[in-house]
Structure formats: structure tokens, C-alpha cells
């Protein structure tokens, strides 16, 4: 994802997105640039109108966000209501054990 962010930053700065510039931005951000990913990112963005892609993505995002969330299944509700049983020592037994630490 950092490769796309770097490419968007380069585009916003008005520079050409090429391998050298992408590597510089990634290294300035503290990321290690992978040669194969850099080449793949530059090749994938070759000929893409980034402004148009951002505009289309901005229009599609609210539609996806407006989708209703799925209701939890009945099985999930039953699992949430169950509490684990405490099968340990009683409070008196636990207190007696603590007393021996300071005895």
C-alpha cells in the first residue's frame, strides 16, 4: 500500500511517477523499496489518469459505506451471553493462600 501512497504523493507534487522518484519517496518515509514492487507499481500506473481514478473512487466510496451492516447470527448472540465458569478456589481458600506469603 505504501507504494500507492508514494505514487499519489509524487502525483500530487506534479512530478512524473518513475522508479527513481518512487524509491526516493519510499526511502524518505523509512520504507525499504523492493525493486519488483517498484517496477510493478510504475508499470501499473503507466497510462492511468490518476485524477480521474481518484474522482471515480471518491464517488464509489459513499455507496459502499452506505451498505447496511449484517445482523449478527443467532449463534453469535448465544456465545456472547455465556460467561466462563470460575472453577478455581473459593475466596476463603485464595485469602488463606495469600496469608502464607506474608506469614
Protein backbone atom coordinates (compact mmCIF):
# COMPACT_ATOMS: atom_id res chain seq x y z
CA UNK A 1 0.00 0.00 0.00
CA UNK A 2 2.91 2.30 0.71
CA UNK A 3 3.87 2.15 -2.97
CA UNK A 4 0.49 3.55 -3.99
CA UNK A 5 0.66 6.23 -1.30
CA UNK A 6 4.12 7.23 -2.51
CA UNK A 7 2.88 7.36 -6.11
CA UNK A 8 -0.08 9.54 -5.09
CA UNK A 9 2.29 11.88 -3.25
CA UNK A 10 4.53 12.15 -6.30
CA UNK A 11 1.49 12.83 -8.49
CA UNK A 12 0.19 15.48 -6.09
CA UNK A 13 3.60 17.19 -6.22
CA UNK A 14 3.29 17.35 -10.01
CA UNK A 15 6.23 15.08 -10.68
CA UNK A 16 6.48 12.13 -13.04
CA UNK A 17 5.98 8.75 -11.37
CA UNK A 18 9.08 6.76 -12.25
CA UNK A 19 11.18 4.14 -10.48
CA UNK A 20 13.83 6.52 -9.19
CA UNK A 21 11.37 9.01 -7.71
CA UNK A 22 9.25 6.26 -6.17
CA UNK A 23 12.34 4.76 -4.50
CA UNK A 24 13.35 8.17 -3.13
CA UNK A 25 9.93 8.81 -1.61
CA UNK A 26 9.80 5.36 -0.05
CA UNK A 27 13.27 5.68 1.44
CA UNK A 28 12.44 9.17 2.75
CA UNK A 29 9.45 7.63 4.52
CA UNK A 30 11.67 4.98 6.09
CA UNK A 31 10.43 2.07 3.97
CA UNK A 32 12.70 -0.32 2.13
CA UNK A 33 11.91 -0.28 -1.58
CA UNK A 34 11.51 -3.66 -3.25
CA UNK A 35 12.70 -3.47 -6.88
CA UNK A 36 9.97 -5.78 -8.18
CA UNK A 37 7.20 -3.86 -6.45
CA UNK A 38 8.57 -0.52 -7.59
CA UNK A 39 8.66 -1.72 -11.21
CA UNK A 40 5.19 -3.28 -10.92
CA UNK A 41 3.72 -0.09 -9.45
CA UNK A 42 5.23 2.13 -12.13
CA UNK A 43 4.09 -0.26 -14.87
CA UNK A 44 0.57 -0.50 -13.43
CA UNK A 45 0.22 3.29 -13.28
CA UNK A 46 1.59 3.85 -16.79
CA UNK A 47 -1.16 5.47 -18.85
CA UNK A 48 -3.57 5.78 -15.90
CA UNK A 49 -5.26 9.14 -15.35
CA UNK A 50 -4.79 9.32 -11.58
CA UNK A 51 -7.06 12.36 -11.13
CA UNK A 52 -9.89 10.53 -12.89
CA UNK A 53 -9.29 7.37 -10.87
CA UNK A 54 -9.42 9.35 -7.60
CA UNK A 55 -12.65 11.05 -8.69
CA UNK A 56 -14.27 7.72 -9.54
CA UNK A 57 -13.10 6.21 -6.25
CA UNK A 58 -14.46 9.18 -4.29
CA UNK A 59 -17.88 8.72 -5.91
CA UNK A 60 -17.95 4.96 -5.32
CA UNK A 61 -16.83 5.14 -1.68
CA UNK A 62 -20.03 6.61 -0.17
CA UNK A 63 -22.13 3.99 -1.95
CA UNK A 64 -20.07 1.22 -0.39
CA UNK A 65 -20.15 2.91 3.01
CA UNK A 66 -23.94 3.24 2.88
CA UNK A 67 -24.44 -0.52 2.67
CA UNK A 68 -26.21 -1.83 5.78
CA UNK A 69 -24.21 -3.98 8.14
CA UNK A 70 -25.21 -7.58 8.56
CA UNK A 71 -27.04 -8.51 11.75
CA UNK A 72 -25.20 -10.96 13.99
CA UNK A 73 -26.27 -14.55 13.67
CA UNK A 74 -28.25 -16.25 16.45
CA UNK A 75 -25.25 -18.44 17.26
CA UNK A 76 -23.14 -15.35 17.89
CA UNK A 77 -25.69 -13.95 20.36
CA UNK A 78 -25.72 -17.18 22.33
CA UNK A 79 -21.94 -17.23 22.53
CA UNK A 80 -21.82 -13.66 23.84
CA UNK A 81 -24.30 -14.39 26.66
CA UNK A 82 -22.35 -17.33 28.02
CA UNK A 83 -19.76 -16.43 30.61
CA UNK A 84 -16.95 -18.78 31.52
CA UNK A 85 -17.47 -20.50 34.85
CA UNK A 86 -14.88 -19.89 37.54
CA UNK A 87 -13.88 -23.35 38.65
CA UNK A 88 -10.99 -22.16 40.80
CA UNK A 89 -10.61 -21.80 44.55
CA UNK A 90 -13.18 -20.08 46.72
CA UNK A 91 -12.41 -16.63 48.08
CA UNK A 92 -11.59 -18.02 51.53
CA UNK A 93 -9.12 -20.50 50.09
CA UNK A 94 -7.50 -17.78 47.99
CA UNK A 95 -7.21 -15.46 51.00
CA UNK A 96 -5.62 -18.22 53.08
CA UNK A 97 -3.06 -18.76 50.35
CA UNK A 98 -2.22 -15.04 50.29
CA UNK A 99 -1.76 -15.01 54.04
CA UNK A 100 1.03 -17.55 53.75
CA UNK A 101 3.01 -15.14 51.58
CA UNK A 102 3.28 -12.64 54.41
CA UNK A 103 3.48 -15.12 57.33
